[in-house]
């Protein structure tokens, strides 16, 4: 199996759990935060939804400069828009991988803020980091939902809610 095939497989596998989790975000709790230093529920959910799009961005650019492209999220007003945004991001990631070649994965990709270089990594490493970010932030989302008394689906096995605990 090539690196591209492995990345495609993992993106598709993680998408099942990610989409289930995003589908649970309640429309009436978008501004809710578990702590003053935490992002809002809609900020976190939108970030989770955008991460598959990092695959497309990584494969089709050589860098991201926050000074030239300040980070902003699209306005999401309800769960239907959140899921549509996720589906668009996921589809872009899948398409980019399907059109990629393994040798592209060794190319460097730079994250910067103007002249300040934040990181230089291979495109393969950036894609893997975006997958890790998805799992990390999806776990945060699960905690947010748990604190809002929303039953949580299992990720890699059944959850306590699915066991009836």
Protein backbone atom coordinates (compact mmCIF):
# COMPACT_ATOMS: atom_id res chain seq x y z
CA UNK A 1 0.00 0.00 0.00
CA UNK A 2 1.40 3.41 -0.96
CA UNK A 3 1.59 6.36 1.43
CA UNK A 4 -1.25 8.03 -0.46
CA UNK A 5 -3.42 4.93 -0.12
CA UNK A 6 -2.70 4.77 3.62
CA UNK A 7 -3.54 8.46 4.07
CA UNK A 8 -6.78 8.02 2.11
CA UNK A 9 -7.76 5.01 4.20
CA UNK A 10 -7.11 6.83 7.47
CA UNK A 11 -8.95 9.99 6.39
CA UNK A 12 -12.00 7.93 5.42
CA UNK A 13 -11.91 5.89 8.65
CA UNK A 14 -11.66 8.93 10.92
CA UNK A 15 -14.41 10.70 8.97
CA UNK A 16 -17.04 8.25 10.20
CA UNK A 17 -16.51 9.16 13.86
CA UNK A 18 -15.88 12.83 13.15
CA UNK A 19 -19.12 13.26 11.24
CA UNK A 20 -21.10 11.41 13.95
CA UNK A 21 -19.67 13.77 16.57
CA UNK A 22 -20.30 16.92 14.53
CA UNK A 23 -23.90 15.84 13.92
CA UNK A 24 -24.51 16.11 17.68
CA UNK A 25 -23.58 19.79 18.05
CA UNK A 26 -26.72 21.50 19.39
CA UNK A 27 -27.80 24.63 17.54
CA UNK A 28 -28.78 26.40 20.76
CA UNK A 29 -25.37 26.05 22.48
CA UNK A 30 -22.99 27.56 19.89
CA UNK A 31 -21.59 30.18 22.29
CA UNK A 32 -21.13 27.74 25.19
CA UNK A 33 -17.63 27.30 26.64
CA UNK A 34 -16.49 25.01 29.45
CA UNK A 35 -13.99 27.64 30.63
CA UNK A 36 -13.27 31.32 29.97
CA UNK A 37 -10.02 30.40 28.16
CA UNK A 38 -11.72 27.77 25.99
CA UNK A 39 -13.04 28.36 22.51
CA UNK A 40 -16.79 28.30 22.00
CA UNK A 41 -18.58 25.15 20.94
CA UNK A 42 -19.12 26.50 17.42
CA UNK A 43 -15.49 27.63 17.12
CA UNK A 44 -14.24 24.16 18.11
CA UNK A 45 -16.78 22.36 15.91
CA UNK A 46 -15.95 24.50 12.90
CA UNK A 47 -12.23 23.88 13.44
CA UNK A 48 -12.83 20.12 13.52
CA UNK A 49 -14.92 20.44 10.36
CA UNK A 50 -12.23 22.37 8.47
CA UNK A 51 -9.27 20.10 9.24
CA UNK A 52 -9.72 17.63 6.35
CA UNK A 53 -9.30 20.65 4.06
CA UNK A 54 -5.72 20.97 5.33
CA UNK A 55 -4.90 17.94 3.17
CA UNK A 56 -5.89 19.87 0.03
CA UNK A 57 -4.12 23.04 1.18
CA UNK A 58 -0.95 21.13 2.06
CA UNK A 59 -0.75 19.21 -1.20
CA UNK A 60 -1.52 22.23 -3.37
CA UNK A 61 0.58 24.94 -1.70
CA UNK A 62 4.10 25.25 -0.30
CA UNK A 63 3.22 27.33 2.75
CA UNK A 64 0.66 29.14 4.86
CA UNK A 65 1.54 32.65 6.01
CA UNK A 66 -0.81 33.86 8.74
CA UNK A 67 0.33 37.44 8.13
CA UNK A 68 -0.90 37.24 4.53
CA UNK A 69 -3.88 34.97 5.33
CA UNK A 70 -5.26 35.77 8.78
CA UNK A 71 -7.13 32.83 10.31
CA UNK A 72 -10.88 33.19 10.03
CA UNK A 73 -13.68 30.67 10.12
CA UNK A 74 -16.77 30.75 7.95
CA UNK A 75 -19.95 31.73 9.78
CA UNK A 76 -21.86 28.59 10.75
CA UNK A 77 -25.44 29.18 11.90
CA UNK A 78 -26.72 25.65 12.44
CA UNK A 79 -25.85 21.99 12.39
CA UNK A 80 -26.85 21.55 8.74
CA UNK A 81 -24.33 24.23 7.74
CA UNK A 82 -21.68 22.66 9.97
CA UNK A 83 -22.13 19.25 8.35
CA UNK A 84 -22.17 20.76 4.85
CA UNK A 85 -18.91 22.58 5.65
CA UNK A 86 -17.38 19.35 6.95
CA UNK A 87 -18.50 17.42 3.87
CA UNK A 88 -16.97 20.07 1.58
CA UNK A 89 -13.70 20.00 3.54
CA UNK A 90 -13.63 16.19 3.58
CA UNK A 91 -14.37 15.97 -0.16
CA UNK A 92 -11.54 18.43 -0.91
CA UNK A 93 -9.12 16.34 1.18
CA UNK A 94 -10.15 13.12 -0.54
CA UNK A 95 -9.90 14.64 -4.02
CA UNK A 96 -6.47 16.12 -3.28
CA UNK A 97 -5.16 12.75 -2.10
CA UNK A 98 -6.68 10.90 -5.05
CA UNK A 99 -4.84 13.29 -7.39
CA UNK A 100 -1.54 13.27 -5.45
CA UNK A 101 1.63 11.30 -6.03
CA UNK A 102 3.71 9.78 -3.25
CA UNK A 103 6.76 11.89 -4.18
CA UNK A 104 4.79 15.08 -3.36
CA UNK A 105 4.66 13.94 0.25
CA UNK A 106 8.42 14.47 0.68
CA UNK A 107 8.23 18.14 -0.39
CA UNK A 108 8.64 20.75 2.35
CA UNK A 109 5.70 22.82 3.54
CA UNK A 110 6.18 25.94 5.69
CA UNK A 111 3.96 27.49 8.34
CA UNK A 112 4.89 31.10 8.97
CA UNK A 113 3.74 34.41 10.33
CA UNK A 114 5.46 36.87 8.06
CA UNK A 115 9.22 36.52 8.56
CA UNK A 116 8.77 34.24 11.58
CA UNK A 117 9.00 30.60 10.51
CA UNK A 118 6.79 28.52 12.80
CA UNK A 119 7.62 25.16 11.22
CA UNK A 120 8.99 23.49 8.12
CA UNK A 121 7.85 19.90 7.65
CA UNK A 122 7.32 17.45 4.86
CA UNK A 123 3.86 17.51 3.36
CA UNK A 124 3.35 13.98 4.68
CA UNK A 125 4.09 15.20 8.21
CA UNK A 126 1.71 18.15 7.85
CA UNK A 127 -1.08 15.86 6.68
CA UNK A 128 -0.44 13.48 9.58
CA UNK A 129 -0.45 16.47 11.96
CA UNK A 130 -3.85 17.53 10.59
CA UNK A 131 -5.15 14.00 11.29
CA UNK A 132 -3.77 14.19 14.83
CA UNK A 133 -5.36 17.60 15.24
CA UNK A 134 -8.69 16.13 14.14
CA UNK A 135 -8.53 13.38 16.77
CA UNK A 136 -7.32 15.81 19.45
CA UNK A 137 -10.02 18.41 18.81
CA UNK A 138 -12.68 15.75 18.30
CA UNK A 139 -11.88 14.51 21.81
CA UNK A 140 -12.26 18.06 23.10
CA UNK A 141 -15.60 18.25 21.29
CA UNK A 142 -16.65 15.01 23.00
CA UNK A 143 -15.90 16.57 26.37
CA UNK A 144 -17.87 19.69 25.48
CA UNK A 145 -20.82 17.54 24.43
CA UNK A 146 -20.53 15.36 27.56
CA UNK A 147 -20.65 18.48 29.74
CA UNK A 148 -23.81 19.51 27.86
CA UNK A 149 -25.34 16.07 28.60
CA UNK A 150 -25.28 15.02 24.95
CA UNK A 151 -24.79 11.23 24.63
CA UNK A 152 -21.44 10.51 22.95
CA UNK A 153 -20.88 7.91 20.22
CA UNK A 154 -17.89 5.59 20.47
CA UNK A 155 -14.74 6.40 18.56
CA UNK A 156 -12.67 3.21 18.51
CA UNK A 157 -15.15 1.10 20.43
CA UNK A 158 -18.39 1.68 22.30
CA UNK A 159 -18.78 4.71 24.56
CA UNK A 160 -20.20 4.67 28.09
CA UNK A 161 -23.46 5.95 26.58
CA UNK A 162 -23.60 3.02 24.17
CA UNK A 163 -22.93 0.60 27.06
CA UNK A 164 -25.79 2.14 29.03
CA UNK A 165 -23.59 3.36 31.92
